[in-house]
Amino acid sequence: MLDEAVGLGAVTVLGVLEQAYFSLQVIYARRKYSVSPPCISGPPEFERIFRAQANCSEYFPIFITILWTSGVFFSQGLSSLCGLLYLYGRLCYFWGYAESAQGRLAPLYFSARVLWVLIGFSAVGVFLSFCRVYMELDLLQALGHALF
């Protein structure tokens, strides 16, 4: 089982490192713009970095849950690839938001699409597994027999 989950584990570790990077960027921005905790407002440059990090952190539990559900029940390889694309999208989102509020939009939409694909994979995988385990109906096998 562990060999089958190595891709998911690697994407998870990479995601945690990305979250740490975002947090460090907020610390650096606090120093650069003299915004002491617990304040969360300051110059627009600080507020964009702070908001980008907060938004990425808000979505991270959803991403990790869906990544693993998709990987376990659908396809580890496709899920890992989607996970890498999501993390790339979030990195571009963070950098874009740090530059301007408008710069966040394209990467935000991209990462949202990837997240929805993972949600779709998860739903299909769980549904097929549910049918196989609880209804003793292998829909993929039945579909294969119907087509050939």
C-alpha atoms as a PDB file:
ATOM      1  CA  MET A   1       0.000   0.000   0.000  1.00  0.00           C
ATOM      2  CA  LEU A   2       2.795   2.459   0.808  1.00  0.00           C
ATOM      3  CA  ASP A   3       4.326   2.102  -2.639  1.00  0.00           C
ATOM      4  CA  GLU A   4       0.961   2.994  -4.136  1.00  0.00           C
ATOM      5  CA  ALA A   5       0.686   6.181  -2.054  1.00  0.00           C
ATOM      6  CA  VAL A   6       4.193   7.580  -2.562  1.00  0.00           C
ATOM      7  CA  GLY A   7       2.997  10.135  -5.132  1.00  0.00           C
ATOM      8  CA  LEU A   8       0.268  11.372  -2.823  1.00  0.00           C
ATOM      9  CA  GLY A   9       2.750  11.560   0.045  1.00  0.00           C
ATOM     10  CA  ALA A  10       5.216  13.544  -2.058  1.00  0.00           C
ATOM     11  CA  VAL A  11       2.540  16.030  -3.141  1.00  0.00           C
ATOM     12  CA  THR A  12       1.396  16.357   0.478  1.00  0.00           C
ATOM     13  CA  VAL A  13       4.914  17.141   1.709  1.00  0.00           C
ATOM     14  CA  LEU A  14       5.388  19.610  -1.143  1.00  0.00           C
ATOM     15  CA  GLY A  15       2.095  21.249  -0.201  1.00  0.00           C
ATOM     16  CA  VAL A  16       3.149  21.585   3.433  1.00  0.00           C
ATOM     17  CA  LEU A  17       6.430  23.164   2.319  1.00  0.00           C
ATOM     18  CA  GLU A  18       4.498  25.569   0.123  1.00  0.00           C
ATOM     19  CA  GLN A  19       2.317  26.561   3.082  1.00  0.00           C
ATOM     20  CA  ALA A  20       5.466  27.158   5.149  1.00  0.00           C
ATOM     21  CA  TYR A  21       6.848  29.351   2.354  1.00  0.00           C
ATOM     22  CA  PHE A  22       3.648  31.413   2.319  1.00  0.00           C
ATOM     23  CA  SER A  23       3.818  31.847   6.103  1.00  0.00           C
ATOM     24  CA  LEU A  24       7.438  32.967   5.909  1.00  0.00           C
ATOM     25  CA  GLN A  25       6.475  35.537   3.283  1.00  0.00           C
ATOM     26  CA  VAL A  26       3.982  37.035   5.730  1.00  0.00           C
ATOM     27  CA  ILE A  27       6.679  37.209   8.424  1.00  0.00           C
ATOM     28  CA  TYR A  28       9.041  38.964   6.004  1.00  0.00           C
ATOM     29  CA  ALA A  29       6.276  41.349   4.919  1.00  0.00           C
ATOM     30  CA  ARG A  30       5.488  42.176   8.566  1.00  0.00           C
ATOM     31  CA  ARG A  31       9.122  43.184   9.062  1.00  0.00           C
ATOM     32  CA  LYS A  32       9.389  45.044   5.769  1.00  0.00           C
ATOM     33  CA  TYR A  33       6.199  47.068   6.281  1.00  0.00           C
ATOM     34  CA  SER A  34       6.421  47.334  10.106  1.00  0.00           C
ATOM     35  CA  VAL A  35       3.152  45.552  10.819  1.00  0.00           C
ATOM     36  CA  SER A  36       3.411  43.948  14.253  1.00  0.00           C
ATOM     37  CA  PRO A  37       1.167  41.062  15.324  1.00  0.00           C
ATOM     38  CA  PRO A  38      -1.717  40.883  15.992  1.00  0.00           C
ATOM     39  CA  CYS A  39      -2.373  43.644  13.441  1.00  0.00           C
ATOM     40  CA  ILE A  40      -3.500  42.418  10.052  1.00  0.00           C
ATOM     41  CA  SER A  41      -3.836  45.765   8.348  1.00  0.00           C
ATOM     42  CA  GLY A  42      -1.131  47.969   6.962  1.00  0.00           C
ATOM     43  CA  PRO A  43       0.054  49.071   3.543  1.00  0.00           C
ATOM     44  CA  PRO A  44      -1.758  47.430   0.599  1.00  0.00           C
ATOM     45  CA  GLU A  45       1.423  45.493  -0.248  1.00  0.00           C
ATOM     46  CA  PHE A  46       1.343  43.826   3.168  1.00  0.00           C
ATOM     47  CA  GLU A  47      -2.383  43.202   3.119  1.00  0.00           C
ATOM     48  CA  ARG A  48      -2.203  41.432  -0.254  1.00  0.00           C
ATOM     49  CA  ILE A  49       0.535  39.084   0.982  1.00  0.00           C
ATOM     50  CA  PHE A  50      -1.334  38.455   4.222  1.00  0.00           C
ATOM     51  CA  ARG A  51      -4.610  37.782   2.399  1.00  0.00           C
ATOM     52  CA  ALA A  52      -2.951  35.507  -0.167  1.00  0.00           C
ATOM     53  CA  GLN A  53      -1.435  33.393   2.608  1.00  0.00           C
ATOM     54  CA  ALA A  54      -4.711  33.278   4.539  1.00  0.00           C
ATOM     55  CA  ASN A  55      -6.669  32.240   1.464  1.00  0.00           C
ATOM     56  CA  CYS A  56      -4.193  29.497   0.584  1.00  0.00           C
ATOM     57  CA  SER A  57      -4.333  28.224   4.168  1.00  0.00           C
ATOM     58  CA  GLU A  58      -8.140  28.206   4.120  1.00  0.00           C
ATOM     59  CA  TYR A  59      -8.225  25.930   1.082  1.00  0.00           C
ATOM     60  CA  PHE A  60      -5.359  23.643   2.113  1.00  0.00           C
ATOM     61  CA  PRO A  61      -7.431  21.200   4.243  1.00  0.00           C
ATOM     62  CA  ILE A  62      -9.934  20.854   1.399  1.00  0.00           C
ATOM     63  CA  PHE A  63      -7.135  20.210  -1.066  1.00  0.00           C
ATOM     64  CA  ILE A  64      -5.395  17.584   1.072  1.00  0.00           C
ATOM     65  CA  THR A  65      -8.633  15.745   1.821  1.00  0.00           C
ATOM     66  CA  ILE A  66      -9.702  15.653  -1.811  1.00  0.00           C
ATOM     67  CA  LEU A  67      -6.188  14.776  -3.013  1.00  0.00           C
ATOM     68  CA  TRP A  68      -6.069  11.677  -0.811  1.00  0.00           C
ATOM     69  CA  THR A  69      -9.681  10.656  -1.445  1.00  0.00           C
ATOM     70  CA  SER A  70      -9.127  10.927  -5.181  1.00  0.00           C
ATOM     71  CA  GLY A  71      -5.808   9.097  -4.955  1.00  0.00           C
ATOM     72  CA  VAL A  72      -7.109   6.226  -2.848  1.00  0.00           C
ATOM     73  CA  PHE A  73     -10.417   5.673  -4.640  1.00  0.00           C
ATOM     74  CA  PHE A  74      -9.726   6.838  -8.204  1.00  0.00           C
ATOM     75  CA  SER A  75      -6.113   7.065  -9.392  1.00  0.00           C
ATOM     76  CA  GLN A  76      -2.978   7.861  -7.442  1.00  0.00           C
ATOM     77  CA  GLY A  77      -1.096   8.954 -10.567  1.00  0.00           C
ATOM     78  CA  LEU A  78      -3.760  11.297 -11.942  1.00  0.00           C
ATOM     79  CA  SER A  79      -4.473  12.667  -8.472  1.00  0.00           C
ATOM     80  CA  SER A  80      -0.794  13.344  -7.829  1.00  0.00           C
ATOM     81  CA  LEU A  81      -0.483  15.117 -11.173  1.00  0.00           C
ATOM     82  CA  CYS A  82      -3.560  17.231 -10.401  1.00  0.00           C
ATOM     83  CA  GLY A  83      -2.110  17.926  -6.963  1.00  0.00           C
ATOM     84  CA  LEU A  84       1.086  19.269  -8.518  1.00  0.00           C
ATOM     85  CA  LEU A  85      -0.937  21.442 -10.885  1.00  0.00           C
ATOM     86  CA  TYR A  86      -2.992  22.753  -7.959  1.00  0.00           C
ATOM     87  CA  LEU A  87       0.124  23.621  -5.964  1.00  0.00           C
ATOM     88  CA  TYR A  88       1.621  25.358  -8.983  1.00  0.00           C
ATOM     89  CA  GLY A  89      -1.603  27.320  -9.425  1.00  0.00           C
ATOM     90  CA  ARG A  90      -1.558  28.338  -5.768  1.00  0.00           C
ATOM     91  CA  LEU A  91       2.060  29.473  -6.013  1.00  0.00           C
ATOM     92  CA  CYS A  92       1.194  31.618  -9.056  1.00  0.00           C
ATOM     93  CA  TYR A  93      -1.858  32.891  -7.166  1.00  0.00           C
ATOM     94  CA  PHE A  94       0.303  33.922  -4.217  1.00  0.00           C
ATOM     95  CA  TRP A  95       2.888  35.682  -6.383  1.00  0.00           C
ATOM     96  CA  GLY A  96       0.195  37.338  -8.490  1.00  0.00           C
ATOM     97  CA  TYR A  97      -1.726  38.566  -5.462  1.00  0.00           C
ATOM     98  CA  ALA A  98       1.473  39.928  -3.912  1.00  0.00           C
ATOM     99  CA  GLU A  99       1.895  42.091  -7.024  1.00  0.00           C
ATOM    100  CA  SER A 100      -1.712  43.234  -7.459  1.00  0.00           C
ATOM    101  CA  ALA A 101      -5.225  42.181  -6.521  1.00  0.00           C
ATOM    102  CA  GLN A 102      -5.956  41.611 -10.208  1.00  0.00           C
ATOM    103  CA  GLY A 103      -2.896  39.342 -10.529  1.00  0.00           C
ATOM    104  CA  ARG A 104      -4.528  36.691  -8.405  1.00  0.00           C
ATOM    105  CA  LEU A 105      -7.512  36.012 -10.666  1.00  0.00           C
ATOM    106  CA  ALA A 106      -6.182  33.781 -13.473  1.00  0.00           C
ATOM    107  CA  PRO A 107      -4.237  31.495 -11.098  1.00  0.00           C
ATOM    108  CA  LEU A 108      -7.225  31.414  -8.726  1.00  0.00           C
ATOM    109  CA  TYR A 109      -9.520  30.196 -11.489  1.00  0.00           C
ATOM    110  CA  PHE A 110      -6.929  27.672 -12.649  1.00  0.00           C
ATOM    111  CA  SER A 111      -6.438  26.174  -9.188  1.00  0.00           C
ATOM    112  CA  ALA A 112     -10.214  26.120  -8.604  1.00  0.00           C
ATOM    113  CA  ARG A 113     -10.699  24.120 -11.819  1.00  0.00           C
ATOM    114  CA  VAL A 114      -8.045  21.629 -10.752  1.00  0.00           C
ATOM    115  CA  LEU A 115      -9.688  21.313  -7.338  1.00  0.00           C
ATOM    116  CA  TRP A 116     -13.031  20.591  -9.005  1.00  0.00           C
ATOM    117  CA  VAL A 117     -11.404  17.902 -11.152  1.00  0.00           C
ATOM    118  CA  LEU A 118     -10.070  16.281  -7.974  1.00  0.00           C
ATOM    119  CA  ILE A 119     -13.522  16.518  -6.415  1.00  0.00           C
ATOM    120  CA  GLY A 120     -14.970  14.831  -9.508  1.00  0.00           C
ATOM    121  CA  PHE A 121     -12.355  12.069  -9.390  1.00  0.00           C
ATOM    122  CA  SER A 122     -13.106  11.573  -5.698  1.00  0.00           C
ATOM    123  CA  ALA A 123     -16.850  11.361  -6.239  1.00  0.00           C
ATOM    124  CA  VAL A 124     -16.535   8.871  -9.102  1.00  0.00           C
ATOM    125  CA  GLY A 125     -13.997   6.755  -7.235  1.00  0.00           C
ATOM    126  CA  VAL A 126     -16.031   6.622  -4.027  1.00  0.00           C
ATOM    127  CA  PHE A 127     -19.223   5.856  -5.962  1.00  0.00           C
ATOM    128  CA  LEU A 128     -17.621   3.004  -7.916  1.00  0.00           C
ATOM    129  CA  SER A 129     -16.062   1.586  -4.750  1.00  0.00           C
ATOM    130  CA  PHE A 130     -19.369   1.860  -2.894  1.00  0.00           C
ATOM    131  CA  CYS A 131     -21.146  -0.038  -5.684  1.00  0.00           C
ATOM    132  CA  ARG A 132     -18.476  -2.725  -5.749  1.00  0.00           C
ATOM    133  CA  VAL A 133     -18.271  -3.221  -1.962  1.00  0.00           C
ATOM    134  CA  TYR A 134     -21.875  -2.758  -0.823  1.00  0.00           C
ATOM    135  CA  MET A 135     -23.892  -3.673  -3.901  1.00  0.00           C
ATOM    136  CA  GLU A 136     -21.486  -6.293  -5.294  1.00  0.00           C
ATOM    137  CA  LEU A 137     -21.688  -4.508  -8.632  1.00  0.00           C
ATOM    138  CA  ASP A 138     -18.496  -3.667 -10.498  1.00  0.00           C
ATOM    139  CA  LEU A 139     -19.715  -0.933 -12.808  1.00  0.00           C
ATOM    140  CA  LEU A 140     -16.410  -0.670 -14.678  1.00  0.00           C
ATOM    141  CA  GLN A 141     -16.438  -4.393 -15.427  1.00  0.00           C
ATOM    142  CA  ALA A 142     -20.103  -4.249 -16.437  1.00  0.00           C
ATOM    143  CA  LEU A 143     -19.384  -1.284 -18.710  1.00  0.00           C
ATOM    144  CA  GLY A 144     -16.466  -3.168 -20.264  1.00  0.00           C
ATOM    145  CA  HIS A 145     -18.665  -6.195 -20.987  1.00  0.00           C
ATOM    146  CA  ALA A 146     -21.373  -3.978 -22.457  1.00  0.00           C
ATOM    147  CA  LEU A 147     -18.941  -2.275 -24.801  1.00  0.00           C
ATOM    148  CA  PHE A 148     -17.102  -5.373 -26.009  1.00  0.00           C
END
